[in-house]
Amino acid sequence: MVSVCGLTAFLAMTDRTPPAEKPEGLVFPCQYPVKVMSEAGAKKTILALVERHVEFCADRDVRTRPSRNGRFEAITVTVEARSREQLEGLYADLRELDVVKMML
């Protein structure tokens, strides 16, 4: 089965394979959306950090949305995740940034 994180979860719900034979959690490699809520103007800092962990195309894989009052910014970077350890390292580094307020 070709794996895309969200598609895998959907297929798992519709698959009739016995539960003991189904993989649990994410199946790597997969497309994974890294979502960060940060202070406004921190996009370059966040993208530079993400790029240290994974490759992505800024034009295709990055979406931003400002908050209503403009103080914060929601940044979503869709990456090709190769392993759980890779994602854990990325999130650990993002947690260290003072400009990051929340991650999903």
C-alpha atoms as a PDB file:
ATOM      1  CA  MET A   1       0.000   0.000   0.000  1.00  0.00           C
ATOM      2  CA  VAL A   2       1.335   3.466  -0.901  1.00  0.00           C
ATOM      3  CA  SER A   3       1.525   5.458   2.317  1.00  0.00           C
ATOM      4  CA  VAL A   4       0.533   9.037   2.897  1.00  0.00           C
ATOM      5  CA  CYS A   5      -0.035   9.628   6.620  1.00  0.00           C
ATOM      6  CA  GLY A   6      -3.657  10.777   6.453  1.00  0.00           C
ATOM      7  CA  LEU A   7      -4.540   8.320   3.698  1.00  0.00           C
ATOM      8  CA  THR A   8      -3.098   5.455   5.720  1.00  0.00           C
ATOM      9  CA  ALA A   9      -5.393   6.318   8.633  1.00  0.00           C
ATOM     10  CA  PHE A  10      -8.411   6.490   6.310  1.00  0.00           C
ATOM     11  CA  LEU A  11      -7.571   3.192   4.667  1.00  0.00           C
ATOM     12  CA  ALA A  12      -7.097   1.598   8.078  1.00  0.00           C
ATOM     13  CA  MET A  13     -10.686   2.544   8.942  1.00  0.00           C
ATOM     14  CA  THR A  14     -12.057   0.964   5.756  1.00  0.00           C
ATOM     15  CA  ASP A  15      -9.703  -2.038   5.595  1.00  0.00           C
ATOM     16  CA  ARG A  16     -11.092  -5.426   6.591  1.00  0.00           C
ATOM     17  CA  THR A  17      -7.651  -6.845   7.508  1.00  0.00           C
ATOM     18  CA  PRO A  18      -7.597  -8.323  11.030  1.00  0.00           C
ATOM     19  CA  PRO A  19      -6.230  -5.783  13.585  1.00  0.00           C
ATOM     20  CA  ALA A  20      -3.207  -7.939  14.446  1.00  0.00           C
ATOM     21  CA  GLU A  21      -1.936  -7.596  10.853  1.00  0.00           C
ATOM     22  CA  LYS A  22      -2.296  -3.793  10.542  1.00  0.00           C
ATOM     23  CA  PRO A  23       0.648  -1.467  11.274  1.00  0.00           C
ATOM     24  CA  GLU A  24       0.026   1.020  14.102  1.00  0.00           C
ATOM     25  CA  GLY A  25       0.773   4.735  13.916  1.00  0.00           C
ATOM     26  CA  LEU A  26       2.534   6.463  11.059  1.00  0.00           C
ATOM     27  CA  VAL A  27       4.028   4.438   8.226  1.00  0.00           C
ATOM     28  CA  PHE A  28       7.273   5.973   6.956  1.00  0.00           C
ATOM     29  CA  PRO A  29       8.148   7.563   4.636  1.00  0.00           C
ATOM     30  CA  CYS A  30       5.074   9.799   4.491  1.00  0.00           C
ATOM     31  CA  GLN A  31       3.960  13.369   3.908  1.00  0.00           C
ATOM     32  CA  TYR A  32       3.611  15.021   7.327  1.00  0.00           C
ATOM     33  CA  PRO A  33       2.303  18.545   8.084  1.00  0.00           C
ATOM     34  CA  VAL A  34       4.423  20.325  10.703  1.00  0.00           C
ATOM     35  CA  LYS A  35       2.230  23.073  12.173  1.00  0.00           C
ATOM     36  CA  VAL A  36       3.705  25.928  14.192  1.00  0.00           C
ATOM     37  CA  MET A  37       2.094  28.960  15.797  1.00  0.00           C
ATOM     38  CA  SER A  38       4.729  31.660  16.250  1.00  0.00           C
ATOM     39  CA  GLU A  39       5.224  35.346  16.765  1.00  0.00           C
ATOM     40  CA  ALA A  40       4.712  37.339  13.562  1.00  0.00           C
ATOM     41  CA  GLY A  41       7.894  37.709  11.539  1.00  0.00           C
ATOM     42  CA  ALA A  42       9.501  34.443  12.665  1.00  0.00           C
ATOM     43  CA  LYS A  43       8.873  32.553   9.413  1.00  0.00           C
ATOM     44  CA  LYS A  44      12.482  32.714   8.159  1.00  0.00           C
ATOM     45  CA  THR A  45      13.840  31.443  11.476  1.00  0.00           C
ATOM     46  CA  ILE A  46      11.395  28.552  11.588  1.00  0.00           C
ATOM     47  CA  LEU A  47      11.926  27.547   7.961  1.00  0.00           C
ATOM     48  CA  ALA A  48      15.705  27.603   8.419  1.00  0.00           C
ATOM     49  CA  LEU A  49      15.383  25.245  11.373  1.00  0.00           C
ATOM     50  CA  VAL A  50      13.005  22.895   9.533  1.00  0.00           C
ATOM     51  CA  GLU A  51      15.391  22.840   6.556  1.00  0.00           C
ATOM     52  CA  ARG A  52      18.167  21.517   8.818  1.00  0.00           C
ATOM     53  CA  HIS A  53      16.042  18.399   9.374  1.00  0.00           C
ATOM     54  CA  VAL A  54      14.218  17.863   6.056  1.00  0.00           C
ATOM     55  CA  GLU A  55      14.146  19.171   2.505  1.00  0.00           C
ATOM     56  CA  PHE A  56      11.068  20.994   1.261  1.00  0.00           C
ATOM     57  CA  CYS A  57      10.002  23.400  -1.474  1.00  0.00           C
ATOM     58  CA  ALA A  58       8.998  26.740   0.052  1.00  0.00           C
ATOM     59  CA  ASP A  59       6.630  27.587  -2.821  1.00  0.00           C
ATOM     60  CA  ARG A  60       4.791  24.267  -2.697  1.00  0.00           C
ATOM     61  CA  ASP A  61       5.127  23.011   0.893  1.00  0.00           C
ATOM     62  CA  VAL A  62       4.752  26.120   3.070  1.00  0.00           C
ATOM     63  CA  ARG A  63       1.512  27.850   4.020  1.00  0.00           C
ATOM     64  CA  THR A  64       1.187  30.798   6.378  1.00  0.00           C
ATOM     65  CA  ARG A  65      -1.770  32.550   7.916  1.00  0.00           C
ATOM     66  CA  PRO A  66      -1.599  35.619  10.168  1.00  0.00           C
ATOM     67  CA  SER A  67      -3.691  35.897  13.310  1.00  0.00           C
ATOM     68  CA  ARG A  68      -6.593  38.313  13.375  1.00  0.00           C
ATOM     69  CA  ASN A  69      -4.598  41.023  15.165  1.00  0.00           C
ATOM     70  CA  GLY A  70      -1.338  40.303  13.301  1.00  0.00           C
ATOM     71  CA  ARG A  71       0.722  39.448  16.393  1.00  0.00           C
ATOM     72  CA  PHE A  72       1.040  35.761  15.537  1.00  0.00           C
ATOM     73  CA  GLU A  73       1.414  33.598  12.477  1.00  0.00           C
ATOM     74  CA  ALA A  74       0.377  29.998  11.735  1.00  0.00           C
ATOM     75  CA  ILE A  75       2.981  28.202   9.607  1.00  0.00           C
ATOM     76  CA  THR A  76       2.420  24.766   8.082  1.00  0.00           C
ATOM     77  CA  VAL A  77       5.307  22.994   6.369  1.00  0.00           C
ATOM     78  CA  THR A  78       4.456  19.693   4.695  1.00  0.00           C
ATOM     79  CA  VAL A  79       7.559  17.507   4.751  1.00  0.00           C
ATOM     80  CA  GLU A  80       8.549  14.021   3.597  1.00  0.00           C
ATOM     81  CA  ALA A  81       9.134  12.369   6.970  1.00  0.00           C
ATOM     82  CA  ARG A  82      11.514   9.412   6.864  1.00  0.00           C
ATOM     83  CA  SER A  83      11.299   8.290  10.508  1.00  0.00           C
ATOM     84  CA  ARG A  84       9.777   8.998  13.907  1.00  0.00           C
ATOM     85  CA  GLU A  85      13.242   9.988  15.175  1.00  0.00           C
ATOM     86  CA  GLN A  86      13.513  12.624  12.442  1.00  0.00           C
ATOM     87  CA  LEU A  87      10.187  14.185  13.481  1.00  0.00           C
ATOM     88  CA  GLU A  88      11.067  14.012  17.176  1.00  0.00           C
ATOM     89  CA  GLY A  89      14.359  15.827  16.511  1.00  0.00           C
ATOM     90  CA  LEU A  90      12.592  18.498  14.476  1.00  0.00           C
ATOM     91  CA  TYR A  91       9.965  19.111  17.170  1.00  0.00           C
ATOM     92  CA  ALA A  92      12.622  19.150  19.910  1.00  0.00           C
ATOM     93  CA  ASP A  93      14.528  21.892  18.076  1.00  0.00           C
ATOM     94  CA  LEU A  94      11.336  23.877  17.399  1.00  0.00           C
ATOM     95  CA  ARG A  95      10.504  23.764  21.136  1.00  0.00           C
ATOM     96  CA  GLU A  96      13.821  25.518  21.834  1.00  0.00           C
ATOM     97  CA  LEU A  97      12.850  28.608  19.812  1.00  0.00           C
ATOM     98  CA  ASP A  98      11.432  31.459  21.914  1.00  0.00           C
ATOM     99  CA  VAL A  99       9.303  32.671  18.988  1.00  0.00           C
ATOM    100  CA  VAL A 100       7.376  29.367  18.842  1.00  0.00           C
ATOM    101  CA  LYS A 101       4.208  29.522  20.925  1.00  0.00           C
ATOM    102  CA  MET A 102       2.530  26.221  19.979  1.00  0.00           C
ATOM    103  CA  MET A 103       3.058  23.184  17.737  1.00  0.00           C
ATOM    104  CA  LEU A 104       0.708  20.543  16.359  1.00  0.00           C
END
